[in-house]
Every structure is written in C-alpha cells, then in structure tokens.
C-alpha cells in the first residue's frame, strides 16, 4: 500500500499528529498523559496538538453509537439520479435527520446517501415523503443493509 497524500490545499499530518489521531481513534477518552507516554510527548504538548487538530477541522472527537443498540434496525444506501443543481439536492438530504452520509458521485448515480431508520415503515416514509419529493430527484434505488460487516473509524492516518 502506498503513502497517502493530503488533498491539494490541505496540510498533510506529520507523524506525531497521526500518532495522536490513532491513539484517539482507539479510545476517544484516552487521557492526554497516556497518549503522551505512548508517543513520547508531554501531556501539554498532546493537549495543544489535539486543540489545533480540532480547531482546524482535521479531527473531531465524538461518541459513535451502534444503530441497532439504540433502536434503529434499518439502514440503507440510496442512490439518486437527479436533474439540475446537485448541490441543492445534496444540501436538502444533508438536512434530514435520518441521513448520516451524503456524497456527490460520478457514475451510475449522481448522489449516494446513507439512511438510518427505526424500521422498514420508517424507511418507506423517508423515501416516499422526504427523498423522492425533493425537486430535482428523478430516480432512487435503495440498497437495504442486511448485516454490517465493517465500519471502521480509523481512516486518514495510514
């Protein structure tokens, strides 16, 4: 596997910042002193680095839930074929509470969005009453998740 470069206009993370991010990806509540010992920095230096990473938008520290454990048993990826300005449709999708991922794509679909719903009735409601009624949406295709096998949160450092 080759080395990944930062996107143009975005600074690449140095090895120390990557090490901090990796530590926090393993446990977002890991104390700065513990991180410092693991990577050879003082607690204060780790705290400053984390603050810079979060202030710059490179990283955020959040709690990640398992949808099944909190009552959302239906997840799906929805492909959309649209007309007109894709940004308008993408922004409208991004505002929906059930939608947790929106991407403008090239290929068979113009947009992909992931939805997390309570059940099949909720998914049908989101599709029929929210997504398919958006101006510019022509066609949708829904890919219902049967079982999630992998969903890591450790990208960006390797």
N, C-alpha and C. Protein backbone atom coordinates (compact mmCIF):
# COMPACT_ATOMS: atom_id res chain seq x y z
N UNK A 1 0.84 -1.17 0.00
CA UNK A 1 0.00 0.00 0.00
C UNK A 1 0.89 1.23 0.00
N UNK A 2 0.60 2.19 -0.86
CA UNK A 2 1.41 3.39 -0.97
C UNK A 2 1.05 4.42 0.09
N UNK A 3 1.87 5.45 0.17
CA UNK A 3 1.63 6.53 1.11
C UNK A 3 0.54 7.43 0.56
N UNK A 4 -0.39 7.79 1.42
CA UNK A 4 -1.48 8.68 1.00
C UNK A 4 -1.05 10.12 1.21
N UNK A 5 -1.40 10.95 0.27
CA UNK A 5 -1.07 12.36 0.37
C UNK A 5 -2.32 13.15 0.73
N UNK A 6 -2.10 14.30 1.33
CA UNK A 6 -3.22 15.18 1.64
C UNK A 6 -3.75 15.76 0.33
N UNK A 7 -5.04 16.10 0.35
CA UNK A 7 -5.65 16.73 -0.81
C UNK A 7 -5.01 18.09 -1.03
N UNK A 8 -4.96 18.56 -2.27
CA UNK A 8 -4.39 19.88 -2.53
C UNK A 8 -5.07 20.94 -1.67
N UNK A 9 -4.26 21.82 -1.09
CA UNK A 9 -4.79 22.87 -0.24
C UNK A 9 -4.99 22.46 1.21
N UNK A 10 -4.74 21.19 1.52
CA UNK A 10 -4.87 20.70 2.89
C UNK A 10 -3.51 20.22 3.37
N UNK A 11 -3.09 20.66 4.55
CA UNK A 11 -1.78 20.23 5.04
C UNK A 11 -1.78 18.75 5.38
N UNK A 12 -0.68 18.09 5.08
CA UNK A 12 -0.52 16.69 5.46
C UNK A 12 -0.25 16.62 6.96
N UNK A 13 -0.74 15.59 7.60
CA UNK A 13 -0.46 15.39 9.02
C UNK A 13 0.96 14.87 9.18
N UNK A 14 1.69 15.41 10.14
CA UNK A 14 3.01 14.86 10.42
C UNK A 14 2.84 13.58 11.24
N UNK A 15 3.93 12.86 11.44
CA UNK A 15 3.87 11.57 12.12
C UNK A 15 3.36 11.69 13.55
N UNK A 16 3.69 12.77 14.22
CA UNK A 16 3.24 12.96 15.61
C UNK A 16 1.73 13.16 15.65
N UNK A 17 1.21 14.00 14.77
CA UNK A 17 -0.24 14.22 14.72
C UNK A 17 -0.97 12.93 14.36
N UNK A 18 -0.42 12.18 13.40
CA UNK A 18 -1.03 10.89 13.04
C UNK A 18 -1.07 9.95 14.24
N UNK A 19 0.01 9.93 15.01
CA UNK A 19 0.06 9.05 16.18
C UNK A 19 -0.99 9.46 17.21
N UNK A 20 -1.19 10.75 17.40
CA UNK A 20 -2.21 11.23 18.32
C UNK A 20 -3.59 10.83 17.83
N UNK A 21 -3.85 11.05 16.56
CA UNK A 21 -5.15 10.68 15.98
C UNK A 21 -5.40 9.18 16.14
N UNK A 22 -4.40 8.36 15.86
CA UNK A 22 -4.55 6.91 16.01
C UNK A 22 -4.87 6.52 17.44
N UNK A 23 -4.22 7.16 18.40
CA UNK A 23 -4.50 6.89 19.81
C UNK A 23 -5.95 7.23 20.14
N UNK A 24 -6.42 8.36 19.66
CA UNK A 24 -7.80 8.78 19.94
C UNK A 24 -8.82 7.95 19.16
N UNK A 25 -8.44 7.43 18.00
CA UNK A 25 -9.35 6.55 17.27
C UNK A 25 -9.56 5.24 18.02
N UNK A 26 -8.55 4.79 18.73
CA UNK A 26 -8.69 3.58 19.54
C UNK A 26 -9.57 3.84 20.75
N UNK A 27 -9.43 5.03 21.37
CA UNK A 27 -10.21 5.38 22.55
C UNK A 27 -10.26 6.90 22.64
N UNK A 28 -11.38 7.48 22.28
CA UNK A 28 -11.54 8.92 22.27
C UNK A 28 -11.47 9.56 23.65
N UNK A 29 -11.52 8.74 24.71
CA UNK A 29 -11.44 9.25 26.08
C UNK A 29 -10.07 9.01 26.70
N UNK A 30 -9.13 8.55 25.91
CA UNK A 30 -7.79 8.28 26.42
C UNK A 30 -7.17 9.57 26.96
N UNK A 31 -6.66 9.55 28.17
CA UNK A 31 -6.06 10.76 28.75
C UNK A 31 -4.85 11.23 27.94
N UNK A 32 -4.67 12.55 27.90
CA UNK A 32 -3.54 13.12 27.17
C UNK A 32 -2.21 12.64 27.74
N UNK A 33 -2.15 12.44 29.04
CA UNK A 33 -0.90 11.94 29.64
C UNK A 33 -0.56 10.55 29.12
N UNK A 34 -1.58 9.69 28.97
CA UNK A 34 -1.37 8.34 28.44
C UNK A 34 -0.91 8.40 26.99
N UNK A 35 -1.54 9.27 26.22
CA UNK A 35 -1.15 9.44 24.81
C UNK A 35 0.29 9.93 24.76
N UNK A 36 0.62 10.91 25.58
CA UNK A 36 1.97 11.46 25.60
C UNK A 36 3.01 10.40 25.89
N UNK A 37 2.75 9.54 26.87
CA UNK A 37 3.69 8.46 27.19
C UNK A 37 3.86 7.51 26.01
N UNK A 38 2.77 7.22 25.33
CA UNK A 38 2.81 6.27 24.22
C UNK A 38 3.60 6.80 23.03
N UNK A 39 3.57 8.12 22.83
CA UNK A 39 4.21 8.67 21.62
C UNK A 39 5.41 9.56 21.93
N UNK A 40 5.74 9.73 23.22
CA UNK A 40 6.93 10.48 23.57
C UNK A 40 6.77 11.99 23.63
N UNK A 41 5.58 12.46 24.04
CA UNK A 41 5.34 13.89 24.20
C UNK A 41 4.82 14.16 25.61
N UNK A 42 4.90 15.40 26.02
CA UNK A 42 4.32 15.79 27.30
C UNK A 42 2.80 15.88 27.16
N UNK A 43 2.11 15.82 28.29
CA UNK A 43 0.66 15.96 28.28
C UNK A 43 0.26 17.31 27.67
N UNK A 44 0.98 18.37 28.03
CA UNK A 44 0.67 19.70 27.50
C UNK A 44 0.83 19.76 25.98
N UNK A 45 1.87 19.12 25.47
CA UNK A 45 2.10 19.11 24.02
C UNK A 45 0.98 18.36 23.30
N UNK A 46 0.54 17.25 23.87
CA UNK A 46 -0.57 16.50 23.28
C UNK A 46 -1.84 17.35 23.29
N UNK A 47 -2.10 18.01 24.42
CA UNK A 47 -3.29 18.86 24.54
C UNK A 47 -3.28 19.95 23.46
N UNK A 48 -2.13 20.60 23.25
CA UNK A 48 -2.02 21.64 22.23
C UNK A 48 -2.25 21.08 20.83
N UNK A 49 -1.66 19.92 20.56
CA UNK A 49 -1.83 19.30 19.24
C UNK A 49 -3.30 18.94 18.98
N UNK A 50 -3.94 18.35 19.98
CA UNK A 50 -5.35 17.97 19.84
C UNK A 50 -6.19 19.22 19.60
N UNK A 51 -5.92 20.28 20.33
CA UNK A 51 -6.67 21.52 20.15
C UNK A 51 -6.50 22.06 18.73
N UNK A 52 -5.27 22.04 18.21
CA UNK A 52 -5.03 22.50 16.84
C UNK A 52 -5.76 21.62 15.82
N UNK A 53 -5.73 20.30 16.04
CA UNK A 53 -6.40 19.38 15.12
C UNK A 53 -7.91 19.59 15.11
N UNK A 54 -8.48 19.83 16.27
CA UNK A 54 -9.93 20.05 16.33
C UNK A 54 -10.30 21.45 15.84
N UNK A 55 -9.53 22.46 16.20
CA UNK A 55 -9.81 23.82 15.74
C UNK A 55 -9.73 23.94 14.23
N UNK A 56 -8.81 23.21 13.61
CA UNK A 56 -8.62 23.29 12.16
C UNK A 56 -9.64 22.44 11.39
N UNK A 57 -10.41 21.62 12.11
CA UNK A 57 -11.40 20.77 11.45
C UNK A 57 -10.84 19.47 10.92
N UNK A 58 -9.55 19.20 11.16
CA UNK A 58 -8.94 17.95 10.72
C UNK A 58 -9.56 16.77 11.46
N UNK A 59 -9.94 17.00 12.73
CA UNK A 59 -10.40 15.92 13.57
C UNK A 59 -11.52 16.43 14.47
N UNK A 60 -12.44 15.54 14.79
CA UNK A 60 -13.41 15.82 15.84
C UNK A 60 -13.52 14.59 16.72
N UNK A 61 -13.81 14.81 17.96
CA UNK A 61 -13.94 13.71 18.91
C UNK A 61 -15.42 13.57 19.23
N UNK A 62 -15.98 12.41 18.89
CA UNK A 62 -17.42 12.19 19.05
C UNK A 62 -17.67 10.80 19.61
N UNK A 63 -18.88 10.60 20.12
CA UNK A 63 -19.32 9.27 20.54
C UNK A 63 -19.98 8.61 19.33
N UNK A 64 -19.63 7.38 19.06
CA UNK A 64 -20.20 6.64 17.95
C UNK A 64 -21.11 5.55 18.53
N UNK A 65 -22.35 5.53 18.10
CA UNK A 65 -23.29 4.54 18.61
C UNK A 65 -23.49 3.42 17.59
N UNK A 66 -23.94 2.30 18.07
CA UNK A 66 -24.36 1.19 17.22
C UNK A 66 -25.85 1.38 16.98
N UNK A 67 -26.27 1.66 15.74
CA UNK A 67 -27.68 1.94 15.48
C UNK A 67 -28.62 0.85 16.01
N UNK A 68 -28.24 -0.40 15.89
CA UNK A 68 -29.09 -1.49 16.37
C UNK A 68 -29.32 -1.41 17.87
N UNK A 69 -28.28 -1.01 18.60
CA UNK A 69 -28.37 -0.95 20.06
C UNK A 69 -29.22 0.22 20.56
N UNK A 70 -29.45 1.22 19.70
CA UNK A 70 -30.24 2.38 20.12
C UNK A 70 -31.57 2.47 19.37
N UNK A 71 -32.02 1.34 18.81
CA UNK A 71 -33.37 1.27 18.26
C UNK A 71 -33.54 1.59 16.79
N UNK A 72 -32.44 1.59 16.03
CA UNK A 72 -32.55 1.84 14.59
C UNK A 72 -32.13 0.59 13.85
N UNK A 73 -33.10 -0.23 13.50
CA UNK A 73 -32.80 -1.56 12.95
C UNK A 73 -32.69 -1.59 11.43
N UNK A 74 -32.98 -0.48 10.75
CA UNK A 74 -32.92 -0.49 9.28
C UNK A 74 -31.97 0.58 8.78
N UNK A 75 -30.92 0.15 8.08
CA UNK A 75 -30.01 1.06 7.41
C UNK A 75 -30.04 0.75 5.92
N UNK A 76 -29.82 1.77 5.12
CA UNK A 76 -29.80 1.57 3.68
C UNK A 76 -28.95 2.65 3.01
N UNK A 77 -28.40 2.29 1.86
CA UNK A 77 -27.73 3.25 1.00
C UNK A 77 -28.71 3.52 -0.14
N UNK A 78 -28.89 4.79 -0.47
CA UNK A 78 -29.83 5.15 -1.52
C UNK A 78 -29.06 5.88 -2.61
N UNK A 79 -29.16 5.36 -3.84
CA UNK A 79 -28.59 6.02 -5.00
C UNK A 79 -29.64 6.90 -5.64
N UNK A 80 -29.27 8.11 -5.98
CA UNK A 80 -30.21 9.05 -6.59
C UNK A 80 -29.70 9.52 -7.94
N UNK A 81 -30.59 9.55 -8.92
CA UNK A 81 -30.32 10.18 -10.21
C UNK A 81 -31.14 11.46 -10.21
N UNK A 82 -30.48 12.56 -10.52
CA UNK A 82 -31.10 13.87 -10.37
C UNK A 82 -30.96 14.69 -11.63
N UNK A 83 -31.69 15.80 -11.66
CA UNK A 83 -31.52 16.80 -12.70
C UNK A 83 -31.32 18.14 -12.02
N UNK A 84 -30.64 19.03 -12.70
CA UNK A 84 -30.40 20.34 -12.12
C UNK A 84 -29.18 20.35 -11.22
N UNK A 85 -29.16 21.30 -10.31
CA UNK A 85 -28.02 21.53 -9.43
C UNK A 85 -27.96 20.46 -8.34
N UNK A 86 -26.94 19.60 -8.40
CA UNK A 86 -26.80 18.51 -7.43
C UNK A 86 -26.58 19.03 -6.01
N UNK A 87 -25.93 20.18 -5.89
CA UNK A 87 -25.66 20.74 -4.57
C UNK A 87 -26.94 21.03 -3.80
N UNK A 88 -27.96 21.47 -4.49
CA UNK A 88 -29.23 21.78 -3.83
C UNK A 88 -29.85 20.51 -3.27
N UNK A 89 -29.86 19.44 -4.04
CA UNK A 89 -30.40 18.16 -3.56
C UNK A 89 -29.53 17.61 -2.44
N UNK A 90 -28.22 17.67 -2.61
CA UNK A 90 -27.31 17.17 -1.58
C UNK A 90 -27.50 17.92 -0.26
N UNK A 91 -27.65 19.23 -0.33
CA UNK A 91 -27.87 20.03 0.88
C UNK A 91 -29.20 19.67 1.55
N UNK A 92 -30.24 19.43 0.75
CA UNK A 92 -31.54 19.06 1.32
C UNK A 92 -31.45 17.69 2.00
N UNK A 93 -30.74 16.76 1.40
CA UNK A 93 -30.55 15.44 2.01
C UNK A 93 -29.78 15.57 3.33
N UNK A 94 -28.75 16.40 3.31
CA UNK A 94 -27.90 16.57 4.49
C UNK A 94 -28.68 17.13 5.68
N UNK A 95 -29.76 17.84 5.42
CA UNK A 95 -30.58 18.41 6.49
C UNK A 95 -31.51 17.38 7.14
N UNK A 96 -31.71 16.24 6.51
CA UNK A 96 -32.63 15.23 7.05
C UNK A 96 -31.97 14.48 8.20
N UNK A 97 -32.70 14.34 9.30
CA UNK A 97 -32.13 13.68 10.48
C UNK A 97 -31.80 12.21 10.23
N UNK A 98 -32.52 11.56 9.37
CA UNK A 98 -32.28 10.14 9.09
C UNK A 98 -31.05 9.91 8.21
N UNK A 99 -30.60 10.93 7.53
CA UNK A 99 -29.47 10.81 6.61
C UNK A 99 -28.18 11.11 7.36
N UNK A 100 -27.23 10.16 7.30
CA UNK A 100 -25.97 10.39 8.01
C UNK A 100 -24.77 10.49 7.07
N UNK A 101 -24.99 10.39 5.77
CA UNK A 101 -23.88 10.42 4.81
C UNK A 101 -24.44 10.84 3.47
N UNK A 102 -23.82 11.82 2.86
CA UNK A 102 -24.23 12.28 1.52
C UNK A 102 -22.97 12.53 0.71
N UNK A 103 -22.95 12.02 -0.51
CA UNK A 103 -21.80 12.25 -1.37
C UNK A 103 -22.29 12.45 -2.81
N UNK A 104 -21.69 13.43 -3.47
CA UNK A 104 -21.93 13.65 -4.90
C UNK A 104 -20.96 12.74 -5.64
N UNK A 105 -21.46 11.96 -6.59
CA UNK A 105 -20.64 10.94 -7.23
C UNK A 105 -20.59 11.10 -8.74
N UNK A 106 -19.71 10.33 -9.34
CA UNK A 106 -19.66 10.18 -10.80
C UNK A 106 -20.02 8.72 -11.07
N UNK A 107 -20.69 8.46 -12.14
CA UNK A 107 -21.04 7.08 -12.45
C UNK A 107 -22.53 6.92 -12.59
N UNK A 108 -23.03 5.77 -12.16
CA UNK A 108 -24.45 5.43 -12.34
C UNK A 108 -25.41 6.30 -11.54
N UNK A 109 -24.95 6.85 -10.44
CA UNK A 109 -25.79 7.72 -9.62
C UNK A 109 -25.13 9.09 -9.49
N UNK A 110 -25.95 10.10 -9.32
CA UNK A 110 -25.44 11.45 -9.10
C UNK A 110 -25.10 11.67 -7.62
N UNK A 111 -25.89 11.05 -6.74
CA UNK A 111 -25.72 11.18 -5.30
C UNK A 111 -25.90 9.83 -4.64
N UNK A 112 -25.21 9.64 -3.54
CA UNK A 112 -25.45 8.50 -2.66
C UNK A 112 -25.68 9.06 -1.27
N UNK A 113 -26.66 8.47 -0.57
CA UNK A 113 -26.87 8.86 0.82
C UNK A 113 -27.17 7.61 1.63
N UNK A 114 -26.71 7.63 2.87
CA UNK A 114 -26.98 6.54 3.79
C UNK A 114 -28.03 7.02 4.77
N UNK A 115 -29.03 6.16 5.02
CA UNK A 115 -30.07 6.49 5.98
C UNK A 115 -30.09 5.46 7.10
N UNK A 116 -30.45 5.93 8.28
CA UNK A 116 -30.61 5.08 9.45
C UNK A 116 -32.02 5.29 9.94
N UNK A 117 -32.81 4.22 9.95
CA UNK A 117 -34.23 4.30 10.29
C UNK A 117 -34.60 3.29 11.37
N UNK A 118 -35.74 3.53 12.01
CA UNK A 118 -36.20 2.64 13.06
C UNK A 118 -36.59 1.27 12.52
N UNK A 119 -37.24 1.26 11.36
CA UNK A 119 -37.74 0.00 10.79
C UNK A 119 -38.08 0.23 9.32
N UNK A 120 -38.64 -0.78 8.68
CA UNK A 120 -38.97 -0.67 7.25
C UNK A 120 -40.04 0.39 6.99
N UNK A 121 -41.02 0.53 7.89
CA UNK A 121 -42.04 1.56 7.71
C UNK A 121 -41.42 2.95 7.74
N UNK A 122 -40.48 3.15 8.64
CA UNK A 122 -39.78 4.44 8.72
C UNK A 122 -38.97 4.69 7.45
N UNK A 123 -38.28 3.67 6.95
CA UNK A 123 -37.52 3.80 5.71
C UNK A 123 -38.44 4.17 4.56
N UNK A 124 -39.59 3.51 4.46
CA UNK A 124 -40.55 3.82 3.40
C UNK A 124 -41.04 5.26 3.50
N UNK A 125 -41.28 5.72 4.71
CA UNK A 125 -41.71 7.10 4.93
C UNK A 125 -40.63 8.09 4.48
N UNK A 126 -39.39 7.82 4.83
CA UNK A 126 -38.29 8.69 4.43
C UNK A 126 -38.17 8.73 2.91
N UNK A 127 -38.24 7.57 2.29
CA UNK A 127 -38.15 7.51 0.82
C UNK A 127 -39.29 8.25 0.15
N UNK A 128 -40.52 7.91 0.51
CA UNK A 128 -41.69 8.45 -0.19
C UNK A 128 -42.02 9.89 0.15
N UNK A 129 -41.84 10.28 1.39
CA UNK A 129 -42.29 11.60 1.81
C UNK A 129 -41.18 12.64 1.91
N UNK A 130 -39.94 12.19 1.95
CA UNK A 130 -38.84 13.15 2.08
C UNK A 130 -37.93 13.17 0.86
N UNK A 131 -37.38 12.00 0.50
CA UNK A 131 -36.35 11.97 -0.54
C UNK A 131 -36.95 12.08 -1.94
N UNK A 132 -37.93 11.25 -2.26
CA UNK A 132 -38.49 11.25 -3.62
C UNK A 132 -39.28 12.51 -3.95
N UNK A 133 -39.65 13.27 -2.94
CA UNK A 133 -40.40 14.51 -3.19
C UNK A 133 -39.49 15.72 -3.38
N UNK A 134 -38.19 15.55 -3.22
CA UNK A 134 -37.27 16.68 -3.40
C UNK A 134 -37.24 17.11 -4.87
N UNK A 135 -37.33 18.41 -5.13
CA UNK A 135 -37.19 18.88 -6.51
C UNK A 135 -35.83 18.47 -7.08
N UNK A 136 -35.84 17.92 -8.28
CA UNK A 136 -34.61 17.50 -8.94
C UNK A 136 -34.36 16.01 -8.85
N UNK A 137 -35.01 15.31 -7.92
CA UNK A 137 -34.81 13.86 -7.81
C UNK A 137 -35.67 13.17 -8.87
N UNK A 138 -35.02 12.39 -9.73
CA UNK A 138 -35.73 11.67 -10.79
C UNK A 138 -35.93 10.21 -10.44
N UNK A 139 -34.87 9.55 -9.99
CA UNK A 139 -34.89 8.11 -9.74
C UNK A 139 -34.13 7.83 -8.45
N UNK A 140 -34.66 6.90 -7.66
CA UNK A 140 -33.92 6.42 -6.50
C UNK A 140 -33.81 4.90 -6.58
N UNK A 141 -32.71 4.40 -6.05
CA UNK A 141 -32.55 2.95 -5.90
C UNK A 141 -32.03 2.71 -4.49
N UNK A 142 -32.71 1.85 -3.76
CA UNK A 142 -32.40 1.62 -2.35
C UNK A 142 -31.70 0.29 -2.17
N UNK A 143 -30.59 0.32 -1.45
CA UNK A 143 -29.81 -0.87 -1.12
C UNK A 143 -29.92 -1.08 0.38
N UNK A 144 -30.81 -1.98 0.78
CA UNK A 144 -31.05 -2.24 2.20
C UNK A 144 -29.91 -3.07 2.77
N UNK A 145 -29.40 -2.66 3.93
CA UNK A 145 -28.33 -3.39 4.59
C UNK A 145 -28.92 -4.59 5.32
N UNK A 146 -28.40 -5.77 5.03
CA UNK A 146 -28.82 -6.98 5.74
C UNK A 146 -27.97 -7.20 6.99
N UNK A 147 -26.68 -6.95 6.86
CA UNK A 147 -25.77 -7.08 8.01
C UNK A 147 -24.54 -6.22 7.73
N UNK A 148 -24.16 -5.44 8.71
CA UNK A 148 -22.98 -4.60 8.59
C UNK A 148 -21.77 -5.42 9.01
N UNK A 149 -20.79 -5.54 8.15
CA UNK A 149 -19.60 -6.35 8.43
C UNK A 149 -18.38 -5.53 8.82
N UNK A 150 -18.32 -4.28 8.37
CA UNK A 150 -17.16 -3.45 8.68
C UNK A 150 -17.54 -1.99 8.60
N UNK A 151 -17.18 -1.25 9.63
CA UNK A 151 -17.36 0.20 9.61
C UNK A 151 -16.32 0.81 10.52
N UNK A 152 -15.08 0.91 10.04
CA UNK A 152 -14.01 1.46 10.88
C UNK A 152 -14.07 2.99 10.92
N UNK A 153 -13.46 3.54 11.94
CA UNK A 153 -13.33 4.98 12.04
C UNK A 153 -11.87 5.36 12.17
N UNK A 154 -11.01 4.64 11.46
CA UNK A 154 -9.57 4.89 11.60
C UNK A 154 -8.92 5.33 10.30
N UNK A 155 -9.68 5.93 9.41
CA UNK A 155 -9.09 6.37 8.14
C UNK A 155 -8.28 7.64 8.35
N UNK A 156 -7.43 7.89 7.41
CA UNK A 156 -6.70 9.15 7.39
C UNK A 156 -5.32 9.15 8.01
N UNK A 157 -4.90 8.04 8.61
CA UNK A 157 -3.57 8.06 9.25
C UNK A 157 -2.65 7.01 8.66
N UNK A 158 -3.12 6.16 7.82
CA UNK A 158 -2.27 5.10 7.27
C UNK A 158 -2.05 5.31 5.79
